[in-house]
C-alpha cells in the first residue's frame, strides 16, 4: 500500500464514526450558528480536545467572515486548510551526516503498553525496506521480556540486536550499540527504552543519561527522540507525554493503534498542546503497518 492507502486504513474508524458526520454538515444550504455548534461538538467527540477545537473553530469562523465565504462548501475547504496548518510542525530532524558514515540515531521512549517495542520493530522494517543496515539497542533492561521481544524482532527482520543482561545499565547498552554501528557500518541505530512511570524519577534520570551518551558520541549531529503514544488512550496520553517532555527533548511522536480507535482527532491536540510533530502512525498490527505522517494526506483521508 502507498502512503495514502495506509493513512486511510489507519483513520477508517475515526472517519466513519465522526468525520462522516462532520462532512454531512457541509451538505446544508447554509452554515449558521447551529451548525457551528454541531461542528464543535463533533470535533470534541472525536477527541480533538476542547481547547484545540475552540481555537480551530474560531480561526475558521474568522476567515469565513473576513473572506466572505458563505457557501458551506467554502467553509469545508477553510476548515481543512486550518487543520492542515495546525498539523504542520517542524522538528523531526534528519541525520545530517549520513553521507559521512555516521548512523542516524532514533531514541524511542514511552510508557509500557503503548506498543513501543513493536514500534521499534516497525521502524527497523521501514529502514530495511530502504536498504539501510539497522542495529537495535535493547535499553529496556528493567524487563527481561522486553529484551527477549526485541531479540525476536531482530531475528524476524535479520537485524543485529545489542543487548546486555536484565538489570544492566541502559546507557552502557546504548554506548555499545553506537560503537557496533561504527564497526559494522550501520546507517540506523534504534534504541528501545523502559517506560515504567511508577518509578518515574529513576526512569527520567535514566533517559537523561542515555541522551548524554548519544550527545557525547556526536554533539553536532541531531538525533531523533520519538515518543510512542497509544491513540486509544486519548487525552490521558497527553499527560504521559508531558512527563517525558520534562526529561528529554522530544522531537517526534509515533501514534500507535490509530486503526483501533474512533478518536483519531487526538492528532490535532498533540500538535496543538505539545507543539511536537506527529512523525509516524501505526495503521495495524503487522510490521508493515506503519505510515510516515503527512498532514495533507491525513486531513484528506478523514474527509474522503
C-alpha atoms as a PDB file:
ATOM      1  CA  UNK A   1       0.000   0.000   0.000  1.00  0.00           C
ATOM      2  CA  UNK A   2       1.114   3.565  -0.619  1.00  0.00           C
ATOM      3  CA  UNK A   3       1.100   6.360   1.982  1.00  0.00           C
ATOM      4  CA  UNK A   4      -2.459   7.444   1.196  1.00  0.00           C
ATOM      5  CA  UNK A   5      -3.825   3.896   1.452  1.00  0.00           C
ATOM      6  CA  UNK A   6      -2.008   3.245   4.752  1.00  0.00           C
ATOM      7  CA  UNK A   7      -3.282   6.505   6.213  1.00  0.00           C
ATOM      8  CA  UNK A   8      -6.846   5.817   5.078  1.00  0.00           C
ATOM      9  CA  UNK A   9      -6.663   2.382   6.741  1.00  0.00           C
ATOM     10  CA  UNK A  10      -5.482   3.989   9.970  1.00  0.00           C
ATOM     11  CA  UNK A  11      -8.232   6.601  10.182  1.00  0.00           C
ATOM     12  CA  UNK A  12     -11.132   4.474   8.899  1.00  0.00           C
ATOM     13  CA  UNK A  13     -12.905   4.162  12.265  1.00  0.00           C
ATOM     14  CA  UNK A  14     -12.418   7.852  13.068  1.00  0.00           C
ATOM     15  CA  UNK A  15     -13.797   8.848   9.670  1.00  0.00           C
ATOM     16  CA  UNK A  16     -16.772   6.505   9.788  1.00  0.00           C
ATOM     17  CA  UNK A  17     -17.726   7.441  13.365  1.00  0.00           C
ATOM     18  CA  UNK A  18     -17.222  11.205  13.426  1.00  0.00           C
ATOM     19  CA  UNK A  19     -15.826  12.854  10.314  1.00  0.00           C
ATOM     20  CA  UNK A  20     -18.520  11.480   8.028  1.00  0.00           C
ATOM     21  CA  UNK A  21     -20.971  13.314  10.303  1.00  0.00           C
ATOM     22  CA  UNK A  22     -18.843  16.448  10.076  1.00  0.00           C
ATOM     23  CA  UNK A  23     -18.759  16.157   6.280  1.00  0.00           C
ATOM     24  CA  UNK A  24     -22.567  15.968   6.190  1.00  0.00           C
ATOM     25  CA  UNK A  25     -22.796  19.337   7.932  1.00  0.00           C
ATOM     26  CA  UNK A  26     -21.433  20.915   4.775  1.00  0.00           C
ATOM     27  CA  UNK A  27     -24.213  19.444   2.655  1.00  0.00           C
ATOM     28  CA  UNK A  28     -26.628  22.028   4.094  1.00  0.00           C
ATOM     29  CA  UNK A  29     -27.719  25.070   2.102  1.00  0.00           C
ATOM     30  CA  UNK A  30     -26.218  27.490   4.616  1.00  0.00           C
ATOM     31  CA  UNK A  31     -23.870  27.366   7.588  1.00  0.00           C
ATOM     32  CA  UNK A  32     -25.428  29.125  10.608  1.00  0.00           C
ATOM     33  CA  UNK A  33     -24.847  29.206  14.365  1.00  0.00           C
ATOM     34  CA  UNK A  34     -26.494  25.836  14.934  1.00  0.00           C
ATOM     35  CA  UNK A  35     -24.108  24.121  12.516  1.00  0.00           C
ATOM     36  CA  UNK A  36     -21.085  25.805  14.092  1.00  0.00           C
ATOM     37  CA  UNK A  37     -22.206  24.376  17.457  1.00  0.00           C
ATOM     38  CA  UNK A  38     -22.619  20.923  15.921  1.00  0.00           C
ATOM     39  CA  UNK A  39     -19.172  21.157  14.360  1.00  0.00           C
ATOM     40  CA  UNK A  40     -17.615  21.975  17.740  1.00  0.00           C
ATOM     41  CA  UNK A  41     -19.429  19.085  19.410  1.00  0.00           C
ATOM     42  CA  UNK A  42     -18.355  16.544  16.780  1.00  0.00           C
ATOM     43  CA  UNK A  43     -14.723  17.680  16.886  1.00  0.00           C
ATOM     44  CA  UNK A  44     -14.640  17.322  20.667  1.00  0.00           C
ATOM     45  CA  UNK A  45     -16.258  13.874  20.471  1.00  0.00           C
ATOM     46  CA  UNK A  46     -13.541  12.793  18.023  1.00  0.00           C
ATOM     47  CA  UNK A  47     -11.008  13.720  20.754  1.00  0.00           C
ATOM     48  CA  UNK A  48      -9.716  16.913  19.201  1.00  0.00           C
ATOM     49  CA  UNK A  49      -9.936  18.451  22.677  1.00  0.00           C
ATOM     50  CA  UNK A  50     -11.922  21.414  23.965  1.00  0.00           C
ATOM     51  CA  UNK A  51      -9.127  23.996  23.755  1.00  0.00           C
ATOM     52  CA  UNK A  52      -7.901  22.903  20.335  1.00  0.00           C
ATOM     53  CA  UNK A  53     -11.452  22.728  18.999  1.00  0.00           C
ATOM     54  CA  UNK A  54     -12.217  26.261  20.190  1.00  0.00           C
ATOM     55  CA  UNK A  55      -9.033  27.586  18.618  1.00  0.00           C
ATOM     56  CA  UNK A  56      -9.652  25.768  15.343  1.00  0.00           C
ATOM     57  CA  UNK A  57     -13.300  26.810  15.005  1.00  0.00           C
ATOM     58  CA  UNK A  58     -12.522  30.429  15.931  1.00  0.00           C
ATOM     59  CA  UNK A  59      -9.903  30.626  13.172  1.00  0.00           C
ATOM     60  CA  UNK A  60     -12.261  29.127  10.614  1.00  0.00           C
ATOM     61  CA  UNK A  61     -15.130  31.450  11.603  1.00  0.00           C
ATOM     62  CA  UNK A  62     -12.874  34.490  11.392  1.00  0.00           C
ATOM     63  CA  UNK A  63     -11.617  33.540   7.941  1.00  0.00           C
ATOM     64  CA  UNK A  64     -15.157  32.831   6.741  1.00  0.00           C
ATOM     65  CA  UNK A  65     -16.194  36.280   7.956  1.00  0.00           C
ATOM     66  CA  UNK A  66     -13.147  38.131   6.581  1.00  0.00           C
ATOM     67  CA  UNK A  67     -13.142  36.366   3.229  1.00  0.00           C
ATOM     68  CA  UNK A  68     -16.943  36.346   2.907  1.00  0.00           C
ATOM     69  CA  UNK A  69     -17.119  32.597   2.322  1.00  0.00           C
ATOM     70  CA  UNK A  70     -20.833  31.998   2.634  1.00  0.00           C
ATOM     71  CA  UNK A  71     -21.216  28.632   0.909  1.00  0.00           C
ATOM     72  CA  UNK A  72     -20.925  25.508   3.130  1.00  0.00           C
ATOM     73  CA  UNK A  73     -18.501  24.008   0.604  1.00  0.00           C
ATOM     74  CA  UNK A  74     -16.238  27.040   1.091  1.00  0.00           C
ATOM     75  CA  UNK A  75     -16.398  26.634   4.880  1.00  0.00           C
ATOM     76  CA  UNK A  76     -15.401  22.990   4.455  1.00  0.00           C
ATOM     77  CA  UNK A  77     -12.322  23.924   2.421  1.00  0.00           C
ATOM     78  CA  UNK A  78     -11.356  26.536   5.013  1.00  0.00           C
ATOM     79  CA  UNK A  79     -11.718  24.006   7.853  1.00  0.00           C
ATOM     80  CA  UNK A  80      -9.454  21.552   6.031  1.00  0.00           C
ATOM     81  CA  UNK A  81      -6.888  24.301   5.375  1.00  0.00           C
ATOM     82  CA  UNK A  82      -6.754  25.253   9.059  1.00  0.00           C
ATOM     83  CA  UNK A  83      -6.499  21.603  10.116  1.00  0.00           C
ATOM     84  CA  UNK A  84      -3.539  21.063   7.802  1.00  0.00           C
ATOM     85  CA  UNK A  85      -1.892  24.220   9.090  1.00  0.00           C
ATOM     86  CA  UNK A  86      -2.303  23.035  12.690  1.00  0.00           C
ATOM     87  CA  UNK A  87      -0.620  19.711  11.903  1.00  0.00           C
ATOM     88  CA  UNK A  88       2.366  21.132  10.035  1.00  0.00           C
ATOM     89  CA  UNK A  89       5.060  21.437  12.683  1.00  0.00           C
ATOM     90  CA  UNK A  90       8.792  21.269  12.045  1.00  0.00           C
ATOM     91  CA  UNK A  91      11.017  19.455  14.479  1.00  0.00           C
ATOM     92  CA  UNK A  92      11.775  15.871  13.445  1.00  0.00           C
ATOM     93  CA  UNK A  93      15.401  16.079  12.275  1.00  0.00           C
ATOM     94  CA  UNK A  94      17.094  14.039   9.601  1.00  0.00           C
ATOM     95  CA  UNK A  95      20.614  12.690  10.067  1.00  0.00           C
ATOM     96  CA  UNK A  96      22.699  15.472   8.534  1.00  0.00           C
ATOM     97  CA  UNK A  97      25.901  13.413   8.299  1.00  0.00           C
ATOM     98  CA  UNK A  98      24.636  10.198   6.750  1.00  0.00           C
ATOM     99  CA  UNK A  99      26.995  10.685   3.817  1.00  0.00           C
ATOM    100  CA  UNK A 100      29.933  10.649   6.269  1.00  0.00           C
ATOM    101  CA  UNK A 101      29.036   7.209   7.552  1.00  0.00           C
ATOM    102  CA  UNK A 102      27.573   8.422  10.851  1.00  0.00           C
ATOM    103  CA  UNK A 103      24.492   6.470  11.846  1.00  0.00           C
ATOM    104  CA  UNK A 104      21.090   8.049  12.281  1.00  0.00           C
ATOM    105  CA  UNK A 105      20.104   7.534  15.920  1.00  0.00           C
ATOM    106  CA  UNK A 106      16.471   7.186  16.980  1.00  0.00           C
ATOM    107  CA  UNK A 107      15.754   7.102  20.719  1.00  0.00           C
ATOM    108  CA  UNK A 108      12.295   5.638  21.286  1.00  0.00           C
ATOM    109  CA  UNK A 109      10.556   6.459  24.593  1.00  0.00           C
ATOM    110  CA  UNK A 110       7.091   5.953  26.037  1.00  0.00           C
ATOM    111  CA  UNK A 111       5.007   4.181  28.659  1.00  0.00           C
ATOM    112  CA  UNK A 112       4.954   0.379  28.739  1.00  0.00           C
ATOM    113  CA  UNK A 113       1.918  -0.989  26.927  1.00  0.00           C
ATOM    114  CA  UNK A 114       1.774   1.661  24.217  1.00  0.00           C
ATOM    115  CA  UNK A 115       3.317  -0.641  21.611  1.00  0.00           C
ATOM    116  CA  UNK A 116       6.793   0.831  21.996  1.00  0.00           C
ATOM    117  CA  UNK A 117       8.911  -2.255  21.231  1.00  0.00           C
ATOM    118  CA  UNK A 118       6.705  -3.210  18.279  1.00  0.00           C
ATOM    119  CA  UNK A 119       7.055   0.365  17.015  1.00  0.00           C
ATOM    120  CA  UNK A 120      10.841  -0.035  17.183  1.00  0.00           C
ATOM    121  CA  UNK A 121      10.477  -3.151  15.026  1.00  0.00           C
ATOM    122  CA  UNK A 122       8.260  -1.273  12.549  1.00  0.00           C
ATOM    123  CA  UNK A 123      10.859   1.477  12.235  1.00  0.00           C
ATOM    124  CA  UNK A 124      13.518  -1.173  11.632  1.00  0.00           C
ATOM    125  CA  UNK A 125      11.333  -2.804   8.973  1.00  0.00           C
ATOM    126  CA  UNK A 126      10.867   0.556   7.250  1.00  0.00           C
ATOM    127  CA  UNK A 127      14.616   1.269   7.285  1.00  0.00           C
ATOM    128  CA  UNK A 128      15.294  -2.234   5.956  1.00  0.00           C
ATOM    129  CA  UNK A 129      12.988  -1.649   3.003  1.00  0.00           C
ATOM    130  CA  UNK A 130      15.006   1.488   2.236  1.00  0.00           C
ATOM    131  CA  UNK A 131      18.165  -0.625   2.007  1.00  0.00           C
ATOM    132  CA  UNK A 132      19.659   0.622   5.282  1.00  0.00           C
ATOM    133  CA  UNK A 133      21.581  -1.532   7.737  1.00  0.00           C
ATOM    134  CA  UNK A 134      19.958  -1.319  11.174  1.00  0.00           C
ATOM    135  CA  UNK A 135      21.125  -2.020  14.720  1.00  0.00           C
ATOM    136  CA  UNK A 136      18.642  -2.297  17.584  1.00  0.00           C
ATOM    137  CA  UNK A 137      19.616  -1.441  21.168  1.00  0.00           C
ATOM    138  CA  UNK A 138      17.724  -3.262  23.940  1.00  0.00           C
ATOM    139  CA  UNK A 139      17.990  -0.486  26.520  1.00  0.00           C
ATOM    140  CA  UNK A 140      14.844  -1.541  28.402  1.00  0.00           C
ATOM    141  CA  UNK A 141      16.931  -3.646  30.769  1.00  0.00           C
ATOM    142  CA  UNK A 142      14.312  -3.425  33.517  1.00  0.00           C
ATOM    143  CA  UNK A 143      12.193  -6.160  31.869  1.00  0.00           C
ATOM    144  CA  UNK A 144      13.748  -9.381  30.599  1.00  0.00           C
ATOM    145  CA  UNK A 145      10.641  -9.814  28.426  1.00  0.00           C
ATOM    146  CA  UNK A 146      11.410  -6.543  26.613  1.00  0.00           C
ATOM    147  CA  UNK A 147      14.916  -7.772  25.749  1.00  0.00           C
ATOM    148  CA  UNK A 148      13.547 -11.113  24.544  1.00  0.00           C
ATOM    149  CA  UNK A 149      10.864  -9.394  22.460  1.00  0.00           C
ATOM    150  CA  UNK A 150      13.414  -7.163  20.744  1.00  0.00           C
ATOM    151  CA  UNK A 151      15.660 -10.169  20.045  1.00  0.00           C
ATOM    152  CA  UNK A 152      12.674 -11.932  18.495  1.00  0.00           C
ATOM    153  CA  UNK A 153      12.001  -8.997  16.176  1.00  0.00           C
ATOM    154  CA  UNK A 154      15.698  -8.812  15.357  1.00  0.00           C
ATOM    155  CA  UNK A 155      15.648 -12.446  14.205  1.00  0.00           C
ATOM    156  CA  UNK A 156      12.461 -11.865  12.205  1.00  0.00           C
ATOM    157  CA  UNK A 157      13.995  -8.882  10.431  1.00  0.00           C
ATOM    158  CA  UNK A 158      17.549 -10.165  10.153  1.00  0.00           C
ATOM    159  CA  UNK A 159      18.735  -7.187  12.202  1.00  0.00           C
ATOM    160  CA  UNK A 160      21.537  -7.118  14.808  1.00  0.00           C
ATOM    161  CA  UNK A 161      20.401  -6.540  18.406  1.00  0.00           C
ATOM    162  CA  UNK A 162      22.787  -5.224  21.056  1.00  0.00           C
ATOM    163  CA  UNK A 163      21.658  -6.414  24.489  1.00  0.00           C
ATOM    164  CA  UNK A 164      23.067  -6.912  27.998  1.00  0.00           C
ATOM    165  CA  UNK A 165      21.722  -8.908  30.914  1.00  0.00           C
ATOM    166  CA  UNK A 166      18.474  -7.777  32.628  1.00  0.00           C
ATOM    167  CA  UNK A 167      19.224  -5.084  35.181  1.00  0.00           C
ATOM    168  CA  UNK A 168      22.265  -3.777  33.305  1.00  0.00           C
ATOM    169  CA  UNK A 169      22.947  -0.078  32.778  1.00  0.00           C
ATOM    170  CA  UNK A 170      20.784   1.064  29.806  1.00  0.00           C
ATOM    171  CA  UNK A 171      23.287   3.788  28.907  1.00  0.00           C
ATOM    172  CA  UNK A 172      26.007   1.116  28.556  1.00  0.00           C
ATOM    173  CA  UNK A 173      23.796  -0.761  26.093  1.00  0.00           C
ATOM    174  CA  UNK A 174      23.383   2.419  24.047  1.00  0.00           C
ATOM    175  CA  UNK A 175      27.125   3.080  24.089  1.00  0.00           C
ATOM    176  CA  UNK A 176      27.841  -0.436  22.832  1.00  0.00           C
ATOM    177  CA  UNK A 177      25.158  -0.142  20.135  1.00  0.00           C
ATOM    178  CA  UNK A 178      26.697   3.082  18.797  1.00  0.00           C
ATOM    179  CA  UNK A 179      30.173   1.508  18.783  1.00  0.00           C
ATOM    180  CA  UNK A 180      28.779  -1.539  16.965  1.00  0.00           C
ATOM    181  CA  UNK A 181      27.164   0.729  14.369  1.00  0.00           C
ATOM    182  CA  UNK A 182      30.548   2.315  13.654  1.00  0.00           C
ATOM    183  CA  UNK A 183      32.296  -1.035  13.273  1.00  0.00           C
ATOM    184  CA  UNK A 184      29.541  -2.654  11.195  1.00  0.00           C
ATOM    185  CA  UNK A 185      28.853   0.475   9.121  1.00  0.00           C
ATOM    186  CA  UNK A 186      25.165   0.557  10.074  1.00  0.00           C
ATOM    187  CA  UNK A 187      23.115   3.528   8.888  1.00  0.00           C
ATOM    188  CA  UNK A 188      20.466   3.464  11.636  1.00  0.00           C
ATOM    189  CA  UNK A 189      20.529   2.773  15.389  1.00  0.00           C
ATOM    190  CA  UNK A 190      17.097   2.429  17.029  1.00  0.00           C
ATOM    191  CA  UNK A 191      17.016   2.388  20.835  1.00  0.00           C
ATOM    192  CA  UNK A 192      14.229   0.776  22.853  1.00  0.00           C
ATOM    193  CA  UNK A 193      13.879   2.134  26.411  1.00  0.00           C
ATOM    194  CA  UNK A 194      11.976   1.406  29.606  1.00  0.00           C
ATOM    195  CA  UNK A 195       8.615   3.025  30.273  1.00  0.00           C
ATOM    196  CA  UNK A 196       7.798   2.383  33.904  1.00  0.00           C
ATOM    197  CA  UNK A 197       6.091   5.510  35.209  1.00  0.00           C
ATOM    198  CA  UNK A 198       5.679   4.065  38.721  1.00  0.00           C
ATOM    199  CA  UNK A 199       9.412   4.761  39.205  1.00  0.00           C
ATOM    200  CA  UNK A 200       9.195   7.987  37.280  1.00  0.00           C
ATOM    201  CA  UNK A 201      12.185   9.799  38.793  1.00  0.00           C
ATOM    202  CA  UNK A 202      14.620   6.936  38.147  1.00  0.00           C
ATOM    203  CA  UNK A 203      13.236   6.459  34.654  1.00  0.00           C
ATOM    204  CA  UNK A 204      13.663  10.101  33.721  1.00  0.00           C
ATOM    205  CA  UNK A 205      17.221  10.167  35.064  1.00  0.00           C
ATOM    206  CA  UNK A 206      17.916   7.024  33.029  1.00  0.00           C
ATOM    207  CA  UNK A 207      16.684   8.724  29.856  1.00  0.00           C
ATOM    208  CA  UNK A 208      18.809  11.805  30.540  1.00  0.00           C
ATOM    209  CA  UNK A 209      21.875   9.587  30.963  1.00  0.00           C
ATOM    210  CA  UNK A 210      21.146   7.829  27.655  1.00  0.00           C
ATOM    211  CA  UNK A 211      20.754  11.203  25.983  1.00  0.00           C
ATOM    212  CA  UNK A 212      24.157  12.302  27.306  1.00  0.00           C
ATOM    213  CA  UNK A 213      25.778   9.172  25.840  1.00  0.00           C
ATOM    214  CA  UNK A 214      24.272   9.946  22.426  1.00  0.00           C
ATOM    215  CA  UNK A 215      25.330  13.609  22.539  1.00  0.00           C
ATOM    216  CA  UNK A 216      28.866  12.638  23.576  1.00  0.00           C
ATOM    217  CA  UNK A 217      29.018  10.374  20.535  1.00  0.00           C
ATOM    218  CA  UNK A 218      28.453  13.348  18.212  1.00  0.00           C
ATOM    219  CA  UNK A 219      27.054  16.581  19.637  1.00  0.00           C
ATOM    220  CA  UNK A 220      26.875  18.223  16.198  1.00  0.00           C
ATOM    221  CA  UNK A 221      24.557  15.671  14.644  1.00  0.00           C
ATOM    222  CA  UNK A 222      20.844  15.911  15.563  1.00  0.00           C
ATOM    223  CA  UNK A 223      19.279  12.685  16.753  1.00  0.00           C
ATOM    224  CA  UNK A 224      15.636  11.782  16.883  1.00  0.00           C
ATOM    225  CA  UNK A 225      13.708  11.326  20.127  1.00  0.00           C
ATOM    226  CA  UNK A 226      10.470   9.609  19.263  1.00  0.00           C
ATOM    227  CA  UNK A 227       7.651   9.435  21.821  1.00  0.00           C
ATOM    228  CA  UNK A 228       5.289   6.497  21.369  1.00  0.00           C
ATOM    229  CA  UNK A 229       1.677   7.303  22.298  1.00  0.00           C
ATOM    230  CA  UNK A 230      -1.291   4.953  22.231  1.00  0.00           C
ATOM    231  CA  UNK A 231      -4.110   6.625  20.264  1.00  0.00           C
ATOM    232  CA  UNK A 232      -6.731   4.616  22.177  1.00  0.00           C
ATOM    233  CA  UNK A 233      -5.801   6.364  25.460  1.00  0.00           C
ATOM    234  CA  UNK A 234      -6.879   9.735  24.054  1.00  0.00           C
ATOM    235  CA  UNK A 235      -6.365  12.778  26.231  1.00  0.00           C
ATOM    236  CA  UNK A 236      -4.770  10.692  29.009  1.00  0.00           C
ATOM    237  CA  UNK A 237      -1.847  10.084  26.697  1.00  0.00           C
ATOM    238  CA  UNK A 238      -1.060  13.801  26.733  1.00  0.00           C
ATOM    239  CA  UNK A 239      -0.343  13.664  30.474  1.00  0.00           C
ATOM    240  CA  UNK A 240       2.164  10.867  29.859  1.00  0.00           C
ATOM    241  CA  UNK A 241       3.698  12.858  27.030  1.00  0.00           C
ATOM    242  CA  UNK A 242       4.286  15.891  29.226  1.00  0.00           C
ATOM    243  CA  UNK A 243       6.178  13.743  31.764  1.00  0.00           C
ATOM    244  CA  UNK A 244       8.582  12.534  29.088  1.00  0.00           C
ATOM    245  CA  UNK A 245       8.979  16.031  27.658  1.00  0.00           C
ATOM    246  CA  UNK A 246      10.344  17.117  31.042  1.00  0.00           C
ATOM    247  CA  UNK A 247      13.133  14.532  30.818  1.00  0.00           C
ATOM    248  CA  UNK A 248      14.239  14.616  27.179  1.00  0.00           C
ATOM    249  CA  UNK A 249      13.748  16.836  24.155  1.00  0.00           C
ATOM    250  CA  UNK A 250      11.012  15.012  22.251  1.00  0.00           C
ATOM    251  CA  UNK A 251      11.005  15.979  18.574  1.00  0.00           C
ATOM    252  CA  UNK A 252       8.527  13.495  17.124  1.00  0.00           C
ATOM    253  CA  UNK A 253       5.523  11.326  18.031  1.00  0.00           C
ATOM    254  CA  UNK A 254       4.751   7.790  16.868  1.00  0.00           C
ATOM    255  CA  UNK A 255       0.987   7.409  17.335  1.00  0.00           C
ATOM    256  CA  UNK A 256       0.180   3.703  17.669  1.00  0.00           C
ATOM    257  CA  UNK A 257      -3.110   1.798  17.390  1.00  0.00           C
ATOM    258  CA  UNK A 258      -4.737   4.602  15.398  1.00  0.00           C
ATOM    259  CA  UNK A 259      -6.676   1.975  13.469  1.00  0.00           C
ATOM    260  CA  UNK A 260      -8.193   0.709  16.741  1.00  0.00           C
ATOM    261  CA  UNK A 261      -9.893   3.930  17.831  1.00  0.00           C
ATOM    262  CA  UNK A 262     -12.660   6.199  16.590  1.00  0.00           C
ATOM    263  CA  UNK A 263     -10.952   9.151  18.288  1.00  0.00           C
ATOM    264  CA  UNK A 264      -8.170   9.937  15.861  1.00  0.00           C
ATOM    265  CA  UNK A 265      -8.786  13.640  16.479  1.00  0.00           C
ATOM    266  CA  UNK A 266      -6.126  13.321  19.202  1.00  0.00           C
ATOM    267  CA  UNK A 267      -3.599  14.032  16.428  1.00  0.00           C
ATOM    268  CA  UNK A 268      -4.678  17.685  16.390  1.00  0.00           C
ATOM    269  CA  UNK A 269      -4.409  18.042  20.170  1.00  0.00           C
ATOM    270  CA  UNK A 270      -0.916  16.528  20.196  1.00  0.00           C
ATOM    271  CA  UNK A 271       0.317  19.100  17.694  1.00  0.00           C
ATOM    272  CA  UNK A 272      -1.513  21.993  19.354  1.00  0.00           C
ATOM    273  CA  UNK A 273      -0.789  21.199  23.025  1.00  0.00           C
ATOM    274  CA  UNK A 274       2.696  19.721  22.797  1.00  0.00           C
ATOM    275  CA  UNK A 275       3.966  21.585  19.703  1.00  0.00           C
ATOM    276  CA  UNK A 276       5.594  18.315  18.624  1.00  0.00           C
ATOM    277  CA  UNK A 277       5.068  16.915  15.131  1.00  0.00           C
ATOM    278  CA  UNK A 278       3.492  13.518  14.583  1.00  0.00           C
ATOM    279  CA  UNK A 279       6.178  11.622  12.647  1.00  0.00           C
ATOM    280  CA  UNK A 280       4.578   8.183  12.226  1.00  0.00           C
ATOM    281  CA  UNK A 281       1.237   6.481  12.707  1.00  0.00           C
ATOM    282  CA  UNK A 282       0.532   2.821  13.370  1.00  0.00           C
ATOM    283  CA  UNK A 283      -2.125   1.512  10.991  1.00  0.00           C
ATOM    284  CA  UNK A 284      -2.361  -2.142  12.077  1.00  0.00           C
ATOM    285  CA  UNK A 285      -0.610  -4.987  13.899  1.00  0.00           C
ATOM    286  CA  UNK A 286       1.801  -6.147  11.169  1.00  0.00           C
ATOM    287  CA  UNK A 287       5.350  -4.801  10.881  1.00  0.00           C
ATOM    288  CA  UNK A 288       4.500  -3.116   7.593  1.00  0.00           C
ATOM    289  CA  UNK A 289       1.542  -1.296   9.174  1.00  0.00           C
ATOM    290  CA  UNK A 290       3.417   1.965   9.605  1.00  0.00           C
ATOM    291  CA  UNK A 291       2.992   5.245   7.732  1.00  0.00           C
ATOM    292  CA  UNK A 292       5.080   8.378   7.786  1.00  0.00           C
ATOM    293  CA  UNK A 293       2.735  11.164   8.839  1.00  0.00           C
ATOM    294  CA  UNK A 294       1.727  13.717   6.235  1.00  0.00           C
ATOM    295  CA  UNK A 295      -0.687  16.496   7.259  1.00  0.00           C
ATOM    296  CA  UNK A 296      -2.159  16.906   3.766  1.00  0.00           C
ATOM    297  CA  UNK A 297      -2.766  13.162   3.353  1.00  0.00           C
ATOM    298  CA  UNK A 298      -4.166  12.782   6.880  1.00  0.00           C
ATOM    299  CA  UNK A 299      -6.756  15.551   6.569  1.00  0.00           C
ATOM    300  CA  UNK A 300      -7.815  14.435   3.092  1.00  0.00           C
ATOM    301  CA  UNK A 301      -8.155  10.857   4.403  1.00  0.00           C
ATOM    302  CA  UNK A 302     -10.530  11.751   7.249  1.00  0.00           C
ATOM    303  CA  UNK A 303     -12.712  13.758   4.851  1.00  0.00           C
ATOM    304  CA  UNK A 304     -12.517  11.465   1.825  1.00  0.00           C
END
